[in-house]
Amino acid sequence: QVQLVESGGALVQAGGSLRLSCKASGRPVSSYTMGWFRRAPGKEREFVAAIIWSAGNTYSADFVKGRFTISRDNAKSTVHLQMNSLKPEDTAVYYCNAAWLGVQYWGQGTQVTVSS
């Protein structure tokens, strides 16, 4: 099993920045795709960004391109989501995800609130 613990969520003003972190433990994640999803109040969970751990390839949703960047720290088994130019519509609980061969693990989520 993989345990995922997110951190970094906070209340921030529009235009500000936050850096979310997700630390993985339990087993190596070098074969996994790590990603971030979010769920805004009253909405379905949606994909934000992902990184293929071994290759470093990254993918992101259109609505965050140019603003959010996903990265990994191999030594710390941690994936980061750097969020810049935050908007009120980015307010959501952000969840870390680890996926490999159809098996998925989720973190408990971290709240990001962007005030206008």
C-alpha atoms as a PDB file:
ATOM      1  CA  GLN A   1       0.000   0.000   0.000  1.00  0.00           C
ATOM      2  CA  VAL A   2       0.953   3.596  -0.564  1.00  0.00           C
ATOM      3  CA  GLN A   3       0.128   6.258   1.972  1.00  0.00           C
ATOM      4  CA  LEU A   4      -0.196   9.824   0.730  1.00  0.00           C
ATOM      5  CA  VAL A   5      -0.145  12.884   2.954  1.00  0.00           C
ATOM      6  CA  GLU A   6      -0.859  16.296   1.479  1.00  0.00           C
ATOM      7  CA  SER A   7       0.122  19.630   2.938  1.00  0.00           C
ATOM      8  CA  GLY A   8       0.312  23.273   1.970  1.00  0.00           C
ATOM      9  CA  GLY A   9      -3.319  24.225   1.616  1.00  0.00           C
ATOM     10  CA  ALA A  10      -4.284  27.639   2.956  1.00  0.00           C
ATOM     11  CA  LEU A  11      -6.363  30.766   2.530  1.00  0.00           C
ATOM     12  CA  VAL A  12      -4.802  33.087  -0.032  1.00  0.00           C
ATOM     13  CA  GLN A  13      -5.864  36.197  -1.917  1.00  0.00           C
ATOM     14  CA  ALA A  14      -6.557  36.132  -5.625  1.00  0.00           C
ATOM     15  CA  GLY A  15      -3.332  36.489  -7.576  1.00  0.00           C
ATOM     16  CA  GLY A  16      -1.326  34.785  -4.857  1.00  0.00           C
ATOM     17  CA  SER A  17       0.625  31.557  -4.850  1.00  0.00           C
ATOM     18  CA  LEU A  18       0.673  28.308  -2.923  1.00  0.00           C
ATOM     19  CA  ARG A  19       2.782  25.194  -3.058  1.00  0.00           C
ATOM     20  CA  LEU A  20       1.107  21.918  -2.248  1.00  0.00           C
ATOM     21  CA  SER A  21       3.127  18.880  -1.296  1.00  0.00           C
ATOM     22  CA  CYS A  22       2.267  15.204  -1.205  1.00  0.00           C
ATOM     23  CA  LYS A  23       4.587  12.800   0.542  1.00  0.00           C
ATOM     24  CA  ALA A  24       4.337   9.142  -0.379  1.00  0.00           C
ATOM     25  CA  SER A  25       5.310   6.306   1.918  1.00  0.00           C
ATOM     26  CA  GLY A  26       4.776   2.598   2.264  1.00  0.00           C
ATOM     27  CA  ARG A  27       6.409   1.499  -0.974  1.00  0.00           C
ATOM     28  CA  PRO A  28       8.480   3.079  -3.740  1.00  0.00           C
ATOM     29  CA  VAL A  29       6.505   5.188  -6.174  1.00  0.00           C
ATOM     30  CA  SER A  30       9.032   5.080  -9.017  1.00  0.00           C
ATOM     31  CA  SER A  31       6.585   3.055 -11.128  1.00  0.00           C
ATOM     32  CA  TYR A  32       3.606   5.243 -10.362  1.00  0.00           C
ATOM     33  CA  THR A  33       1.909   8.155 -11.982  1.00  0.00           C
ATOM     34  CA  MET A  34       1.347  10.786  -9.322  1.00  0.00           C
ATOM     35  CA  GLY A  35      -1.297  13.403  -9.730  1.00  0.00           C
ATOM     36  CA  TRP A  36      -3.442  16.107  -8.228  1.00  0.00           C
ATOM     37  CA  PHE A  37      -7.201  16.304  -8.412  1.00  0.00           C
ATOM     38  CA  ARG A  38      -9.568  18.779  -6.844  1.00  0.00           C
ATOM     39  CA  ARG A  39     -13.171  18.990  -5.778  1.00  0.00           C
ATOM     40  CA  ALA A  40     -14.849  22.340  -5.503  1.00  0.00           C
ATOM     41  CA  PRO A  41     -18.033  22.786  -3.443  1.00  0.00           C
ATOM     42  CA  GLY A  42     -20.979  21.325  -5.309  1.00  0.00           C
ATOM     43  CA  LYS A  43     -18.846  20.020  -8.157  1.00  0.00           C
ATOM     44  CA  GLU A  44     -17.380  16.726  -9.272  1.00  0.00           C
ATOM     45  CA  ARG A  45     -13.773  15.879  -8.655  1.00  0.00           C
ATOM     46  CA  GLU A  46     -11.587  16.958 -11.568  1.00  0.00           C
ATOM     47  CA  PHE A  47      -8.081  16.292 -12.800  1.00  0.00           C
ATOM     48  CA  VAL A  48      -5.525  19.036 -12.259  1.00  0.00           C
ATOM     49  CA  ALA A  49      -2.075  17.708 -13.125  1.00  0.00           C
ATOM     50  CA  ALA A  50      -0.010  14.519 -13.183  1.00  0.00           C
ATOM     51  CA  ILE A  51       3.575  13.376 -13.509  1.00  0.00           C
ATOM     52  CA  ILE A  52       4.948  10.021 -14.597  1.00  0.00           C
ATOM     53  CA  TRP A  53       7.461   9.477 -11.847  1.00  0.00           C
ATOM     54  CA  SER A  54      10.025   7.476 -13.785  1.00  0.00           C
ATOM     55  CA  ALA A  55      10.142   9.646 -16.901  1.00  0.00           C
ATOM     56  CA  GLY A  56       9.210  13.012 -15.462  1.00  0.00           C
ATOM     57  CA  ASN A  57       6.585  13.651 -18.147  1.00  0.00           C
ATOM     58  CA  THR A  58       3.915  16.019 -16.923  1.00  0.00           C
ATOM     59  CA  TYR A  59       0.321  16.637 -17.901  1.00  0.00           C
ATOM     60  CA  SER A  60      -2.100  19.304 -16.767  1.00  0.00           C
ATOM     61  CA  ALA A  61      -5.645  20.429 -17.312  1.00  0.00           C
ATOM     62  CA  ASP A  62      -6.184  23.301 -19.698  1.00  0.00           C
ATOM     63  CA  PHE A  63      -7.524  25.527 -16.967  1.00  0.00           C
ATOM     64  CA  VAL A  64      -4.231  25.461 -15.056  1.00  0.00           C
ATOM     65  CA  LYS A  65      -1.720  25.596 -17.882  1.00  0.00           C
ATOM     66  CA  GLY A  66       0.642  28.493 -17.426  1.00  0.00           C
ATOM     67  CA  ARG A  67      -0.331  28.831 -13.760  1.00  0.00           C
ATOM     68  CA  PHE A  68       0.256  25.469 -12.025  1.00  0.00           C
ATOM     69  CA  THR A  69       3.356  23.300 -12.234  1.00  0.00           C
ATOM     70  CA  ILE A  70       3.725  19.747 -10.985  1.00  0.00           C
ATOM     71  CA  SER A  71       7.132  18.404 -10.011  1.00  0.00           C
ATOM     72  CA  ARG A  72       8.699  15.598  -7.996  1.00  0.00           C
ATOM     73  CA  ASP A  73      11.448  15.208  -5.457  1.00  0.00           C
ATOM     74  CA  ASN A  74      12.869  11.714  -5.842  1.00  0.00           C
ATOM     75  CA  ALA A  75      14.880  11.823  -2.650  1.00  0.00           C
ATOM     76  CA  LYS A  76      11.849  12.710  -0.561  1.00  0.00           C
ATOM     77  CA  SER A  77       9.219  10.705  -2.498  1.00  0.00           C
ATOM     78  CA  THR A  78       7.253  13.909  -2.668  1.00  0.00           C
ATOM     79  CA  VAL A  79       5.263  15.503  -5.458  1.00  0.00           C
ATOM     80  CA  HIS A  80       4.635  19.229  -5.476  1.00  0.00           C
ATOM     81  CA  LEU A  81       2.036  21.432  -7.100  1.00  0.00           C
ATOM     82  CA  GLN A  82       3.169  25.013  -7.479  1.00  0.00           C
ATOM     83  CA  MET A  83       0.120  27.184  -7.961  1.00  0.00           C
ATOM     84  CA  ASN A  84       0.523  30.764  -9.159  1.00  0.00           C
ATOM     85  CA  SER A  85      -1.954  33.444 -10.167  1.00  0.00           C
ATOM     86  CA  LEU A  86      -4.637  31.794  -8.092  1.00  0.00           C
ATOM     87  CA  LYS A  87      -8.264  32.615  -8.802  1.00  0.00           C
ATOM     88  CA  PRO A  88     -11.346  32.303  -6.610  1.00  0.00           C
ATOM     89  CA  GLU A  89     -12.512  29.456  -8.847  1.00  0.00           C
ATOM     90  CA  ASP A  90      -9.439  27.482  -7.776  1.00  0.00           C
ATOM     91  CA  THR A  91     -11.021  27.121  -4.340  1.00  0.00           C
ATOM     92  CA  ALA A  92     -11.341  23.402  -3.659  1.00  0.00           C
ATOM     93  CA  VAL A  93     -10.039  20.470  -1.699  1.00  0.00           C
ATOM     94  CA  TYR A  94      -6.962  19.223  -3.498  1.00  0.00           C
ATOM     95  CA  TYR A  95      -6.243  15.508  -3.428  1.00  0.00           C
ATOM     96  CA  CYS A  96      -3.040  13.674  -4.194  1.00  0.00           C
ATOM     97  CA  ASN A  97      -3.315  10.466  -6.223  1.00  0.00           C
ATOM     98  CA  ALA A  98      -0.945   7.612  -6.975  1.00  0.00           C
ATOM     99  CA  ALA A  99      -1.828   5.211  -9.754  1.00  0.00           C
ATOM    100  CA  TRP A 100      -0.209   2.088 -11.185  1.00  0.00           C
ATOM    101  CA  LEU A 101      -1.724  -0.726 -13.212  1.00  0.00           C
ATOM    102  CA  GLY A 102      -5.261   0.195 -12.264  1.00  0.00           C
ATOM    103  CA  VAL A 103      -4.573   0.502  -8.564  1.00  0.00           C
ATOM    104  CA  GLN A 104      -5.117   3.944  -7.083  1.00  0.00           C
ATOM    105  CA  TYR A 105      -4.355   5.534  -3.763  1.00  0.00           C
ATOM    106  CA  TRP A 106      -5.654   8.837  -2.455  1.00  0.00           C
ATOM    107  CA  GLY A 107      -4.598  11.281   0.188  1.00  0.00           C
ATOM    108  CA  GLN A 108      -6.977  12.884   2.638  1.00  0.00           C
ATOM    109  CA  GLY A 109      -6.983  16.217   0.833  1.00  0.00           C
ATOM    110  CA  THR A 110      -5.877  19.734   1.637  1.00  0.00           C
ATOM    111  CA  GLN A 111      -8.130  22.797   1.485  1.00  0.00           C
ATOM    112  CA  VAL A 112      -7.223  25.689  -0.783  1.00  0.00           C
ATOM    113  CA  THR A 113      -9.354  28.806  -0.470  1.00  0.00           C
ATOM    114  CA  VAL A 114      -8.806  31.805  -2.725  1.00  0.00           C
ATOM    115  CA  SER A 115     -10.482  35.025  -1.687  1.00  0.00           C
ATOM    116  CA  SER A 116     -11.421  37.727  -4.171  1.00  0.00           C
END
